């Protein structure tokens, strides 16, 4: 699948959702680990948040994104890897066109959150837009995390 809209065989649809401006495909899941392939809309940026249940890592497959992990800001592209230890404040912003990445969670704990915030994908393509549940903070808390503030880059005027 490329960072452009892609249509894949129907059997993959059973593990695909549109959630928070991203097509997510569950690639592997056990109690110890989840691997989610994510195709994210340009410009999306989740609120600053943390996960207290475990770590989250991102492996960039295509596109560009900047990450905030604690106090460190990183701009990443294909081949780059970002690790977010448990309970570390973090966010990201997709720069330019769509971005495709692997989201690796250990132990497992985010797929159910993403599912609750989204809907089953009817095609393997980018969602039509970003839909944020009005009770996002409560959903995050139920899944072992906390929203700490708005997306870090919403008030900046720097060039992308």
N, C-alpha and C. Protein backbone atom coordinates (compact mmCIF):
# COMPACT_ATOMS: atom_id res chain seq x y z
N UNK A 1 0.85 -1.18 0.00
CA UNK A 1 0.00 0.00 0.00
C UNK A 1 0.88 1.23 0.00
N UNK A 2 0.59 2.17 -0.84
CA UNK A 2 1.36 3.42 -0.88
C UNK A 2 0.62 4.49 -0.11
N UNK A 3 1.27 5.64 0.04
CA UNK A 3 0.66 6.74 0.78
C UNK A 3 -0.49 7.38 0.01
N UNK A 4 -0.67 7.05 -1.26
CA UNK A 4 -1.86 7.48 -1.98
C UNK A 4 -3.00 6.52 -1.65
N UNK A 5 -4.20 6.92 -2.02
CA UNK A 5 -5.35 6.04 -1.79
C UNK A 5 -5.08 4.69 -2.44
N UNK A 6 -5.34 3.63 -1.71
CA UNK A 6 -5.07 2.29 -2.21
C UNK A 6 -6.26 1.40 -1.89
N UNK A 7 -6.55 0.50 -2.79
CA UNK A 7 -7.61 -0.48 -2.56
C UNK A 7 -6.95 -1.85 -2.52
N UNK A 8 -7.21 -2.61 -1.46
CA UNK A 8 -6.61 -3.92 -1.25
C UNK A 8 -7.72 -4.98 -1.24
N UNK A 9 -7.33 -6.22 -1.23
CA UNK A 9 -8.33 -7.30 -1.20
C UNK A 9 -9.27 -7.20 -0.01
N UNK A 10 -10.48 -7.67 -0.19
CA UNK A 10 -11.54 -7.55 0.81
C UNK A 10 -11.19 -8.21 2.13
N UNK A 11 -10.36 -9.27 2.15
CA UNK A 11 -10.07 -9.95 3.41
C UNK A 11 -9.37 -9.05 4.41
N UNK A 12 -8.64 -8.04 3.94
CA UNK A 12 -7.98 -7.11 4.86
C UNK A 12 -8.98 -6.17 5.53
N UNK A 13 -10.15 -5.99 4.94
CA UNK A 13 -11.12 -5.06 5.51
C UNK A 13 -11.59 -5.47 6.90
N UNK A 14 -11.55 -6.75 7.23
CA UNK A 14 -12.01 -7.17 8.55
C UNK A 14 -11.12 -6.62 9.66
N UNK A 15 -9.90 -6.23 9.37
CA UNK A 15 -8.98 -5.67 10.35
C UNK A 15 -8.69 -4.19 10.08
N UNK A 16 -9.57 -3.51 9.35
CA UNK A 16 -9.32 -2.12 8.97
C UNK A 16 -10.39 -1.19 9.53
N UNK A 17 -9.93 -0.05 10.03
CA UNK A 17 -10.85 0.98 10.54
C UNK A 17 -10.38 2.35 10.07
N UNK A 18 -11.33 3.27 10.02
CA UNK A 18 -11.03 4.69 9.86
C UNK A 18 -11.17 5.29 11.25
N UNK A 19 -10.10 5.86 11.76
CA UNK A 19 -10.12 6.40 13.11
C UNK A 19 -9.23 7.63 13.19
N UNK A 20 -9.79 8.73 13.66
CA UNK A 20 -9.03 9.95 13.95
C UNK A 20 -8.21 10.43 12.74
N UNK A 21 -8.80 10.36 11.54
CA UNK A 21 -8.13 10.84 10.34
C UNK A 21 -7.13 9.88 9.74
N UNK A 22 -7.23 8.61 10.10
CA UNK A 22 -6.25 7.62 9.68
C UNK A 22 -6.93 6.31 9.30
N UNK A 23 -6.45 5.68 8.22
CA UNK A 23 -6.81 4.30 7.94
C UNK A 23 -5.86 3.45 8.77
N UNK A 24 -6.40 2.56 9.58
CA UNK A 24 -5.58 1.69 10.42
C UNK A 24 -5.90 0.25 10.09
N UNK A 25 -4.84 -0.54 9.92
CA UNK A 25 -4.99 -1.96 9.65
C UNK A 25 -4.22 -2.72 10.72
N UNK A 26 -4.93 -3.55 11.48
CA UNK A 26 -4.29 -4.36 12.51
C UNK A 26 -3.52 -5.49 11.82
N UNK A 27 -2.19 -5.45 11.92
CA UNK A 27 -1.33 -6.44 11.27
C UNK A 27 -0.99 -7.61 12.17
N UNK A 28 -0.89 -7.36 13.49
CA UNK A 28 -0.56 -8.42 14.43
C UNK A 28 -1.00 -7.98 15.82
N UNK A 29 -1.47 -8.97 16.61
CA UNK A 29 -1.91 -8.63 17.96
C UNK A 29 -1.74 -9.84 18.87
N UNK A 30 -1.11 -9.61 20.00
CA UNK A 30 -1.03 -10.57 21.09
C UNK A 30 -1.13 -9.75 22.37
N UNK A 31 -1.12 -10.38 23.51
CA UNK A 31 -1.16 -9.62 24.77
C UNK A 31 0.07 -8.74 24.94
N UNK A 32 1.18 -9.16 24.35
CA UNK A 32 2.45 -8.44 24.51
C UNK A 32 2.68 -7.35 23.49
N UNK A 33 1.99 -7.40 22.33
CA UNK A 33 2.36 -6.51 21.22
C UNK A 33 1.21 -6.32 20.25
N UNK A 34 1.08 -5.09 19.75
CA UNK A 34 0.19 -4.80 18.63
C UNK A 34 1.02 -4.12 17.56
N UNK A 35 0.76 -4.47 16.31
CA UNK A 35 1.39 -3.80 15.17
C UNK A 35 0.25 -3.33 14.27
N UNK A 36 0.19 -2.01 14.08
CA UNK A 36 -0.88 -1.40 13.29
C UNK A 36 -0.24 -0.61 12.15
N UNK A 37 -0.66 -0.90 10.93
CA UNK A 37 -0.24 -0.09 9.80
C UNK A 37 -1.20 1.09 9.71
N UNK A 38 -0.65 2.30 9.66
CA UNK A 38 -1.47 3.51 9.65
C UNK A 38 -1.16 4.35 8.43
N UNK A 39 -2.20 4.77 7.73
CA UNK A 39 -2.11 5.70 6.62
C UNK A 39 -2.85 6.96 7.06
N UNK A 40 -2.10 8.04 7.29
CA UNK A 40 -2.64 9.23 7.95
C UNK A 40 -2.79 10.40 6.98
N UNK A 41 -3.89 11.11 7.14
CA UNK A 41 -4.16 12.30 6.34
C UNK A 41 -3.10 13.38 6.58
N UNK A 42 -2.79 14.18 5.55
CA UNK A 42 -1.87 15.30 5.74
C UNK A 42 -2.39 16.25 6.81
N UNK A 43 -1.47 16.74 7.64
CA UNK A 43 -1.80 17.75 8.63
C UNK A 43 -2.40 17.25 9.93
N UNK A 44 -2.75 15.96 10.03
CA UNK A 44 -3.36 15.54 11.29
C UNK A 44 -2.33 15.57 12.42
N UNK A 45 -2.83 15.87 13.61
CA UNK A 45 -1.99 15.93 14.79
C UNK A 45 -2.86 15.64 16.01
N UNK A 46 -2.61 14.52 16.69
CA UNK A 46 -3.41 14.22 17.88
C UNK A 46 -3.06 15.17 19.02
N UNK A 47 -3.95 15.28 19.99
CA UNK A 47 -3.64 16.09 21.16
C UNK A 47 -2.38 15.56 21.85
N UNK A 48 -1.71 16.42 22.59
CA UNK A 48 -0.60 15.97 23.43
C UNK A 48 -1.20 15.00 24.44
N UNK A 49 -0.61 13.81 24.55
CA UNK A 49 -1.17 12.78 25.41
C UNK A 49 -0.07 11.84 25.87
N UNK A 50 -0.47 10.90 26.75
CA UNK A 50 0.46 9.87 27.20
C UNK A 50 -0.32 8.57 27.37
N UNK A 51 0.43 7.46 27.32
CA UNK A 51 -0.12 6.13 27.59
C UNK A 51 0.60 5.59 28.81
N UNK A 52 -0.14 5.26 29.85
CA UNK A 52 0.48 4.76 31.08
C UNK A 52 0.63 3.24 31.10
N UNK A 53 -0.01 2.54 30.16
CA UNK A 53 0.02 1.08 30.17
C UNK A 53 1.26 0.50 29.49
N UNK A 54 1.94 1.29 28.64
CA UNK A 54 3.08 0.74 27.93
C UNK A 54 3.66 1.73 26.94
N UNK A 55 4.57 1.25 26.10
CA UNK A 55 5.26 2.11 25.15
C UNK A 55 4.59 2.06 23.78
N UNK A 56 4.91 3.07 22.97
CA UNK A 56 4.44 3.15 21.59
C UNK A 56 5.63 3.56 20.74
N UNK A 57 5.78 2.91 19.60
CA UNK A 57 6.87 3.26 18.68
C UNK A 57 6.30 3.40 17.29
N UNK A 58 6.97 4.21 16.49
CA UNK A 58 6.54 4.48 15.12
C UNK A 58 7.70 4.21 14.17
N UNK A 59 7.45 3.43 13.13
CA UNK A 59 8.43 3.23 12.06
C UNK A 59 7.83 3.84 10.80
N UNK A 60 8.50 4.87 10.28
CA UNK A 60 8.00 5.58 9.10
C UNK A 60 8.26 4.75 7.85
N UNK A 61 7.20 4.48 7.10
CA UNK A 61 7.30 3.74 5.84
C UNK A 61 7.33 4.70 4.64
N UNK A 62 6.49 5.73 4.69
CA UNK A 62 6.40 6.73 3.62
C UNK A 62 5.95 8.05 4.21
N UNK A 63 6.32 9.14 3.54
CA UNK A 63 5.87 10.46 3.96
C UNK A 63 6.79 11.05 5.03
N UNK A 64 6.32 12.15 5.62
CA UNK A 64 7.08 12.86 6.65
C UNK A 64 6.16 13.23 7.80
N UNK A 65 6.73 13.23 8.99
CA UNK A 65 5.99 13.65 10.18
C UNK A 65 6.98 14.21 11.18
N UNK A 66 6.50 15.12 11.99
CA UNK A 66 7.33 15.56 13.12
C UNK A 66 6.67 15.04 14.39
N UNK A 67 7.53 14.63 15.29
CA UNK A 67 7.10 14.03 16.55
C UNK A 67 7.59 14.88 17.71
N UNK A 68 6.79 14.96 18.74
CA UNK A 68 7.21 15.52 20.01
C UNK A 68 7.17 14.37 21.00
N UNK A 69 8.32 14.04 21.59
CA UNK A 69 8.44 12.97 22.57
C UNK A 69 9.09 13.59 23.79
N UNK A 70 8.29 13.79 24.85
CA UNK A 70 8.79 14.55 25.99
C UNK A 70 9.09 15.96 25.53
N UNK A 71 10.34 16.39 25.68
CA UNK A 71 10.76 17.73 25.25
C UNK A 71 11.49 17.71 23.91
N UNK A 72 11.63 16.52 23.30
CA UNK A 72 12.40 16.40 22.07
C UNK A 72 11.49 16.42 20.85
N UNK A 73 11.83 17.27 19.87
CA UNK A 73 11.10 17.34 18.61
C UNK A 73 11.96 16.73 17.50
N UNK A 74 11.35 15.81 16.73
CA UNK A 74 12.06 15.11 15.67
C UNK A 74 11.25 15.18 14.38
N UNK A 75 11.91 15.44 13.27
CA UNK A 75 11.25 15.35 11.96
C UNK A 75 11.73 14.06 11.32
N UNK A 76 10.78 13.23 10.90
CA UNK A 76 11.09 11.88 10.43
C UNK A 76 10.54 11.64 9.04
N UNK A 77 11.21 10.73 8.33
CA UNK A 77 10.75 10.30 7.01
C UNK A 77 10.98 8.80 6.89
N UNK A 78 10.73 8.26 5.70
CA UNK A 78 10.83 6.81 5.51
C UNK A 78 12.14 6.27 6.07
N UNK A 79 12.02 5.19 6.86
CA UNK A 79 13.18 4.54 7.45
C UNK A 79 13.50 5.00 8.86
N UNK A 80 12.87 6.08 9.32
CA UNK A 80 13.13 6.58 10.66
C UNK A 80 12.23 5.88 11.68
N UNK A 81 12.72 5.79 12.92
CA UNK A 81 12.04 5.10 14.00
C UNK A 81 11.98 6.02 15.21
N UNK A 82 10.83 6.08 15.85
CA UNK A 82 10.63 6.91 17.05
C UNK A 82 10.07 6.02 18.14
N UNK A 83 10.69 6.04 19.31
CA UNK A 83 10.22 5.27 20.46
C UNK A 83 9.69 6.22 21.52
N UNK A 84 8.50 5.92 22.05
CA UNK A 84 7.86 6.71 23.11
C UNK A 84 7.72 5.81 24.33
N UNK A 85 8.55 6.00 25.37
CA UNK A 85 8.41 5.19 26.58
C UNK A 85 7.06 5.42 27.26
N UNK A 86 6.63 4.46 28.04
CA UNK A 86 5.37 4.59 28.80
C UNK A 86 5.34 5.89 29.58
N UNK A 87 4.17 6.50 29.65
CA UNK A 87 3.88 7.71 30.42
C UNK A 87 4.61 8.95 29.92
N UNK A 88 5.17 8.92 28.71
CA UNK A 88 5.87 10.08 28.15
C UNK A 88 4.90 10.89 27.30
N UNK A 89 4.76 12.19 27.57
CA UNK A 89 3.91 13.03 26.72
C UNK A 89 4.42 13.01 25.28
N UNK A 90 3.48 12.90 24.33
CA UNK A 90 3.89 12.87 22.93
C UNK A 90 2.74 13.25 22.00
N UNK A 91 3.12 13.56 20.78
CA UNK A 91 2.19 13.83 19.69
C UNK A 91 2.98 13.77 18.40
N UNK A 92 2.30 13.93 17.29
CA UNK A 92 2.97 14.02 15.99
C UNK A 92 2.11 14.87 15.07
N UNK A 93 2.70 15.28 13.97
CA UNK A 93 1.98 16.01 12.93
C UNK A 93 2.46 15.50 11.58
N UNK A 94 1.53 15.12 10.70
CA UNK A 94 1.88 14.67 9.36
C UNK A 94 2.17 15.90 8.50
N UNK A 95 3.35 15.90 7.88
CA UNK A 95 3.81 17.04 7.08
C UNK A 95 3.66 16.74 5.59
N UNK A 96 3.25 17.72 4.82
CA UNK A 96 3.13 17.53 3.38
C UNK A 96 1.97 16.62 3.04
N UNK A 97 2.24 15.56 2.27
CA UNK A 97 1.21 14.61 1.86
C UNK A 97 0.92 13.59 2.94
N UNK A 98 0.16 12.54 2.60
CA UNK A 98 -0.14 11.49 3.57
C UNK A 98 1.14 10.83 4.08
N UNK A 99 1.05 10.19 5.22
CA UNK A 99 2.17 9.44 5.79
C UNK A 99 1.70 8.03 6.10
N UNK A 100 2.59 7.08 5.87
CA UNK A 100 2.30 5.68 6.21
C UNK A 100 3.35 5.22 7.20
N UNK A 101 2.89 4.62 8.29
CA UNK A 101 3.81 4.18 9.34
C UNK A 101 3.30 2.92 10.01
N UNK A 102 4.22 2.24 10.67
CA UNK A 102 3.84 1.15 11.56
C UNK A 102 3.80 1.71 12.97
N UNK A 103 2.71 1.46 13.66
CA UNK A 103 2.53 1.86 15.05
C UNK A 103 2.68 0.57 15.86
N UNK A 104 3.69 0.54 16.73
CA UNK A 104 4.03 -0.67 17.48
C UNK A 104 3.80 -0.38 18.96
N UNK A 105 2.91 -1.15 19.58
CA UNK A 105 2.50 -0.89 20.96
C UNK A 105 2.83 -2.11 21.80
N UNK A 106 3.51 -1.86 22.94
CA UNK A 106 3.89 -2.98 23.82
C UNK A 106 3.71 -2.56 25.29
N UNK A 107 2.92 -3.32 26.06
CA UNK A 107 2.05 -4.40 25.63
C UNK A 107 0.88 -3.85 24.81
N UNK A 108 0.08 -4.75 24.26
CA UNK A 108 -1.08 -4.35 23.46
C UNK A 108 -1.99 -3.45 24.28
N UNK A 109 -2.65 -2.51 23.59
CA UNK A 109 -3.57 -1.66 24.33
C UNK A 109 -4.18 -0.50 23.56
N UNK A 110 -3.81 -0.30 22.29
CA UNK A 110 -4.38 0.84 21.57
C UNK A 110 -5.41 0.46 20.51
N UNK A 111 -5.39 -0.77 20.01
CA UNK A 111 -6.34 -1.12 18.95
C UNK A 111 -7.78 -0.93 19.42
N UNK A 112 -8.10 -1.34 20.63
CA UNK A 112 -9.46 -1.17 21.13
C UNK A 112 -9.82 0.31 21.26
N UNK A 113 -8.85 1.14 21.64
CA UNK A 113 -9.07 2.59 21.70
C UNK A 113 -9.38 3.14 20.30
N UNK A 114 -8.52 2.80 19.33
CA UNK A 114 -8.74 3.28 17.97
C UNK A 114 -10.09 2.81 17.43
N UNK A 115 -10.45 1.58 17.73
CA UNK A 115 -11.75 1.04 17.28
C UNK A 115 -12.90 1.82 17.89
N UNK A 116 -12.80 2.13 19.17
CA UNK A 116 -13.88 2.88 19.83
C UNK A 116 -14.01 4.29 19.26
N UNK A 117 -12.93 4.87 18.79
CA UNK A 117 -12.95 6.23 18.24
C UNK A 117 -13.32 6.26 16.75
N UNK A 118 -13.39 5.11 16.12
CA UNK A 118 -13.57 5.10 14.68
C UNK A 118 -14.74 4.25 14.21
N UNK A 119 -14.60 3.76 12.98
CA UNK A 119 -15.62 2.95 12.35
C UNK A 119 -14.95 1.98 11.39
N UNK A 120 -15.60 0.86 11.09
CA UNK A 120 -15.00 -0.06 10.12
C UNK A 120 -14.77 0.62 8.78
N UNK A 121 -13.63 0.38 8.17
CA UNK A 121 -13.34 0.94 6.85
C UNK A 121 -14.05 0.09 5.80
N UNK A 122 -14.71 0.75 4.86
CA UNK A 122 -15.39 0.03 3.78
C UNK A 122 -14.48 -0.14 2.57
N UNK A 123 -13.36 0.59 2.55
CA UNK A 123 -12.32 0.48 1.53
C UNK A 123 -10.99 0.76 2.20
N UNK A 124 -9.92 0.24 1.63
CA UNK A 124 -8.59 0.51 2.17
C UNK A 124 -8.04 1.76 1.49
N UNK A 125 -8.47 2.89 2.02
CA UNK A 125 -8.07 4.20 1.52
C UNK A 125 -8.12 5.18 2.68
N UNK A 126 -7.55 6.37 2.45
CA UNK A 126 -7.63 7.40 3.46
C UNK A 126 -9.09 7.71 3.79
N UNK A 127 -9.39 8.04 5.04
CA UNK A 127 -10.75 8.45 5.36
C UNK A 127 -11.06 9.80 4.70
N UNK A 128 -12.34 10.13 4.64
CA UNK A 128 -12.75 11.39 4.01
C UNK A 128 -12.39 12.61 4.84
N UNK A 129 -12.14 12.42 6.12
CA UNK A 129 -11.80 13.54 6.99
C UNK A 129 -11.45 13.04 8.38
N UNK A 130 -11.33 13.98 9.29
CA UNK A 130 -10.99 13.66 10.68
C UNK A 130 -12.26 13.78 11.52
N UNK A 131 -12.59 12.73 12.22
CA UNK A 131 -13.74 12.73 13.12
C UNK A 131 -13.23 12.46 14.53
N UNK A 132 -13.44 13.41 15.44
CA UNK A 132 -12.99 13.29 16.83
C UNK A 132 -14.22 13.11 17.72
N UNK A 133 -14.28 12.03 18.48
CA UNK A 133 -15.42 11.85 19.40
C UNK A 133 -15.46 12.99 20.42
N UNK A 134 -16.65 13.48 20.75
CA UNK A 134 -16.75 14.57 21.72
C UNK A 134 -16.25 14.17 23.11
N UNK A 135 -16.27 12.88 23.43
CA UNK A 135 -15.82 12.39 24.74
C UNK A 135 -14.42 11.77 24.65
N UNK A 136 -13.56 12.32 23.78
CA UNK A 136 -12.23 11.75 23.56
C UNK A 136 -11.44 11.61 24.86
N UNK A 137 -11.46 12.62 25.73
CA UNK A 137 -10.69 12.54 26.97
C UNK A 137 -11.12 11.35 27.82
N UNK A 138 -12.42 11.09 27.89
CA UNK A 138 -12.92 9.96 28.67
C UNK A 138 -12.52 8.64 28.03
N UNK A 139 -12.56 8.57 26.70
CA UNK A 139 -12.17 7.34 26.01
C UNK A 139 -10.69 7.06 26.25
N UNK A 140 -9.86 8.08 26.14
CA UNK A 140 -8.42 7.93 26.39
C UNK A 140 -8.20 7.41 27.81
N UNK A 141 -8.88 7.99 28.78
CA UNK A 141 -8.71 7.57 30.18
C UNK A 141 -9.12 6.11 30.38
N UNK A 142 -10.20 5.68 29.72
CA UNK A 142 -10.64 4.28 29.83
C UNK A 142 -9.61 3.30 29.29
N UNK A 143 -8.77 3.79 28.38
CA UNK A 143 -7.78 2.93 27.74
C UNK A 143 -6.36 3.17 28.26
N UNK A 144 -6.25 3.67 29.48
CA UNK A 144 -4.95 3.76 30.14
C UNK A 144 -4.09 4.94 29.74
N UNK A 145 -4.71 6.05 29.36
CA UNK A 145 -3.93 7.23 28.98
C UNK A 145 -4.55 8.50 29.52
N UNK A 146 -3.97 9.61 29.09
CA UNK A 146 -4.48 10.92 29.51
C UNK A 146 -4.18 11.95 28.43
N UNK A 147 -5.19 12.75 28.08
CA UNK A 147 -4.99 13.89 27.19
C UNK A 147 -4.40 15.01 28.04
N UNK A 148 -3.27 15.56 27.59
CA UNK A 148 -2.54 16.57 28.36
C UNK A 148 -2.71 17.97 27.80
N UNK A 149 -3.19 18.10 26.58
CA UNK A 149 -3.37 19.42 25.98
C UNK A 149 -3.67 19.30 24.50
N UNK A 150 -3.82 20.43 23.83
CA UNK A 150 -4.11 20.41 22.39
C UNK A 150 -2.89 19.92 21.60
N UNK A 151 -3.09 19.66 20.31
CA UNK A 151 -1.92 19.31 19.49
C UNK A 151 -0.86 20.40 19.62
N UNK A 152 0.40 20.04 19.78
CA UNK A 152 1.46 21.02 20.06
C UNK A 152 1.66 22.08 18.98
N UNK A 153 1.29 21.77 17.74
CA UNK A 153 1.62 22.70 16.66
C UNK A 153 0.45 23.52 16.19
N UNK A 154 -0.70 23.45 16.82
CA UNK A 154 -1.88 24.16 16.33
C UNK A 154 -1.73 25.67 16.39
N UNK A 155 -0.94 26.19 17.30
CA UNK A 155 -0.83 27.65 17.42
C UNK A 155 0.41 28.20 16.73
N UNK A 156 1.22 27.34 16.13
CA UNK A 156 2.43 27.80 15.47
C UNK A 156 2.13 28.28 14.05
N UNK A 157 2.96 29.18 13.56
CA UNK A 157 2.80 29.68 12.21
C UNK A 157 3.99 29.32 11.34
N UNK A 158 4.85 28.39 11.80
CA UNK A 158 6.03 28.03 11.03
C UNK A 158 5.65 27.27 9.77
N UNK A 159 6.54 27.31 8.78
CA UNK A 159 6.27 26.65 7.50
C UNK A 159 6.34 25.14 7.65
N UNK A 160 5.55 24.47 6.90
CA UNK A 160 5.57 23.00 6.90
C UNK A 160 6.36 22.56 5.73
